[in-house]
Amino acid sequence: MIEFKITLENNYVSLVQTSEDHFQELYQIGSNPVIWEQHPNQDRWKKNNFRKYFDGGINNSEGCFTIIDKKINKIIGNTRFYSFDENNQSVKIGYTFISNEYWGTEMNYQIKKLMMDYIFQFLDKVYFEIGKNNFRSQKSIEKLGGKKVKLQKKENYLYLIDKSKWKG
């Protein structure tokens, strides 16, 4: 049985279940418009829009992770599993953002590796839904081995990483 609402960690990062106590620190990062400039919801940096995003994570049936850089014990972003499909043996990973000071580092790889190493113990496929203009995220998922499988609603590409192809 998969348990989604857990803590995951490695030497670099801790993924802890998001709580209301994390809102202020996450909003401090998420209030930077640069983070959302390629995202379909470009105004997510506004407090009321960020609040909707945050509440969606808190209420997500598969939980929501606050990302902590273990080396400095600091919150640096947020991510989650969502849309678990037992019949398809799949789940999506997304709604991820990290502080732009971590862009181009190995932190995104460490976060996704941690999540996929865990979920591939139970499931066969991980999907990522990425805005068609979100080139940074597309490139980052392609570096992980994600393959573009289709365009959804003319707004988002769906990427797949299959357990049999995951190199971790």
Protein backbone atom coordinates (compact mmCIF):
# COMPACT_ATOMS: atom_id res chain seq x y z
CA MET A 1 0.00 0.00 0.00
CA ILE A 2 1.37 3.39 -1.00
CA GLU A 3 1.64 5.99 1.69
CA PHE A 4 1.78 9.45 0.15
CA LYS A 5 1.75 11.57 3.29
CA ILE A 6 5.23 10.72 4.48
CA THR A 7 8.62 12.37 4.91
CA LEU A 8 11.34 11.60 2.37
CA GLU A 9 14.99 12.57 2.71
CA ASN A 10 18.48 12.02 1.41
CA ASN A 11 21.80 13.76 2.14
CA TYR A 12 20.71 16.94 0.34
CA VAL A 13 17.03 17.51 0.92
CA SER A 14 14.13 16.72 3.21
CA LEU A 15 10.59 16.56 1.87
CA VAL A 16 8.21 17.06 4.78
CA GLN A 17 4.44 17.26 4.68
CA THR A 18 3.39 20.87 4.21
CA SER A 19 1.58 22.49 7.11
CA GLU A 20 0.01 25.88 7.66
CA ASP A 21 3.19 26.84 9.56
CA HIS A 22 5.08 26.75 6.24
CA PHE A 23 2.91 29.31 4.46
CA GLN A 24 4.90 32.45 5.25
CA GLU A 25 8.29 31.02 4.30
CA LEU A 26 6.91 29.43 1.13
CA TYR A 27 5.15 32.65 0.15
CA GLN A 28 8.36 34.58 0.73
CA ILE A 29 9.92 32.44 -2.02
CA GLY A 30 6.79 32.13 -4.17
CA SER A 31 6.15 35.88 -4.17
CA ASN A 32 8.98 36.28 -6.67
CA PRO A 33 7.29 36.83 -10.10
CA VAL A 34 10.36 35.40 -11.90
CA ILE A 35 9.50 31.92 -10.57
CA TRP A 36 6.14 31.97 -12.37
CA GLU A 37 7.02 33.85 -15.58
CA GLN A 38 6.88 30.72 -17.79
CA HIS A 39 4.04 29.11 -15.85
CA PRO A 40 0.43 29.12 -17.15
CA ASN A 41 -0.56 30.87 -13.87
CA GLN A 42 1.89 33.74 -14.14
CA ASP A 43 0.24 35.71 -11.36
CA ARG A 44 0.64 32.96 -8.76
CA TRP A 45 3.14 35.27 -7.01
CA LYS A 46 0.21 37.43 -5.81
CA LYS A 47 -0.69 36.53 -2.25
CA ASN A 48 -4.33 35.55 -2.87
CA ASN A 49 -3.36 33.35 -5.84
CA PHE A 50 -0.48 31.80 -3.92
CA ARG A 51 -2.90 31.10 -1.07
CA LYS A 52 -5.15 29.11 -3.47
CA TYR A 53 -2.12 27.15 -4.68
CA PHE A 54 -1.00 26.51 -1.09
CA ASP A 55 -4.47 25.43 0.05
CA GLY A 56 -4.70 23.09 -2.94
CA GLY A 57 -1.53 21.41 -1.72
CA ILE A 58 -2.69 21.17 1.88
CA ASN A 59 -5.97 19.60 0.73
CA ASN A 60 -4.39 17.30 -1.89
CA SER A 61 -5.29 13.67 -1.16
CA GLU A 62 -1.73 12.59 -2.02
CA GLY A 63 -0.21 15.16 0.33
CA CYS A 64 2.18 17.98 -0.38
CA PHE A 65 5.87 18.38 0.40
CA THR A 66 7.73 21.39 1.69
CA ILE A 67 11.29 21.16 0.39
CA ILE A 68 14.09 21.82 2.88
CA ASP A 69 17.76 22.23 1.97
CA LYS A 70 19.36 20.01 4.63
CA LYS A 71 22.77 21.68 4.43
CA ILE A 72 21.37 24.99 5.73
CA ASN A 73 18.05 23.77 7.19
CA LYS A 74 16.05 26.22 5.09
CA ILE A 75 12.74 25.93 3.22
CA ILE A 76 13.39 26.35 -0.50
CA GLY A 77 10.16 25.30 -2.21
CA ASN A 78 7.21 22.96 -2.59
CA THR A 79 6.15 19.90 -4.64
CA ARG A 80 3.60 17.11 -4.58
CA PHE A 81 2.31 13.82 -5.87
CA TYR A 82 -1.19 14.08 -7.37
CA SER A 83 -3.69 12.30 -9.62
CA PHE A 84 -2.88 8.80 -8.36
CA ASP A 85 -4.34 6.26 -10.83
CA GLU A 86 -4.37 2.74 -9.41
CA ASN A 87 -5.60 1.19 -12.69
CA ASN A 88 -2.79 2.79 -14.70
CA GLN A 89 -0.26 2.22 -11.90
CA SER A 90 0.70 5.90 -12.15
CA VAL A 91 0.87 9.20 -10.36
CA LYS A 92 1.79 12.73 -11.35
CA ILE A 93 4.53 14.81 -9.77
CA GLY A 94 4.20 18.53 -10.03
CA TYR A 95 3.11 21.87 -8.68
CA THR A 96 6.82 22.20 -7.97
CA PHE A 97 8.65 25.41 -7.39
CA ILE A 98 12.04 26.06 -5.87
CA SER A 99 13.79 29.29 -5.07
CA ASN A 100 15.46 30.63 -8.19
CA GLU A 101 18.81 30.62 -6.40
CA TYR A 102 18.67 26.81 -6.81
CA TRP A 103 17.95 26.87 -10.54
CA GLY A 104 20.69 25.19 -12.52
CA THR A 105 21.91 23.25 -9.48
CA GLU A 106 21.39 19.56 -8.81
CA MET A 107 18.65 20.29 -6.26
CA ASN A 108 15.72 19.63 -8.63
CA TYR A 109 17.33 16.31 -9.59
CA GLN A 110 17.73 15.38 -5.91
CA ILE A 111 14.08 16.22 -5.19
CA LYS A 112 12.70 14.28 -8.16
CA LYS A 113 15.08 11.34 -7.59
CA LEU A 114 13.90 11.06 -4.00
CA MET A 115 10.25 11.10 -5.07
CA MET A 116 10.67 8.68 -7.97
CA ASP A 117 12.89 6.23 -6.09
CA TYR A 118 10.13 6.04 -3.50
CA ILE A 119 7.12 5.85 -5.82
CA PHE A 120 8.69 3.31 -8.20
CA GLN A 121 8.63 0.83 -5.31
CA PHE A 122 4.85 0.79 -5.85
CA LEU A 123 3.96 2.15 -9.31
CA ASP A 124 5.16 1.84 -12.91
CA LYS A 125 4.71 5.35 -14.32
CA VAL A 126 5.22 8.94 -13.28
CA TYR A 127 3.72 11.76 -15.31
CA PHE A 128 4.57 15.45 -15.32
CA GLU A 129 2.14 18.02 -16.69
CA ILE A 130 4.13 21.04 -17.86
CA GLY A 131 2.95 24.27 -19.45
CA LYS A 132 3.81 24.47 -23.14
CA ASN A 133 5.74 27.71 -22.54
CA ASN A 134 7.49 26.50 -19.40
CA PHE A 135 10.77 25.72 -21.13
CA ARG A 136 12.80 25.57 -17.91
CA SER A 137 10.61 22.78 -16.48
CA GLN A 138 10.45 20.94 -19.80
CA LYS A 139 14.24 20.94 -20.04
CA SER A 140 14.60 19.80 -16.43
CA ILE A 141 12.22 16.84 -16.90
CA GLU A 142 13.89 15.88 -20.17
CA LYS A 143 17.25 15.81 -18.32
CA LEU A 144 15.66 13.29 -15.93
CA GLY A 145 14.62 11.11 -18.86
CA GLY A 146 11.05 12.33 -19.28
CA LYS A 147 9.50 11.77 -22.70
CA LYS A 148 6.85 14.10 -24.09
CA VAL A 149 3.79 11.95 -24.78
CA LYS A 150 1.09 14.49 -25.72
CA LEU A 151 -0.28 18.00 -25.59
CA GLN A 152 -3.23 18.38 -23.23
CA LYS A 153 -5.87 21.08 -23.56
CA LYS A 154 -3.47 22.99 -25.84
CA GLU A 155 -1.77 24.34 -22.70
CA ASN A 156 0.28 21.55 -21.15
CA TYR A 157 2.60 18.83 -22.32
CA LEU A 158 2.36 15.50 -20.59
CA TYR A 159 5.72 13.86 -19.93
CA LEU A 160 6.25 10.27 -18.84
CA ILE A 161 9.02 8.54 -16.95
CA ASP A 162 8.53 4.79 -16.96
CA LYS A 163 9.88 2.70 -14.08
CA SER A 164 11.73 0.43 -16.52
CA LYS A 165 13.58 3.42 -17.97
CA TRP A 166 14.34 5.23 -14.68
CA LYS A 167 18.06 5.34 -14.09
CA GLY A 168 17.92 7.28 -10.85
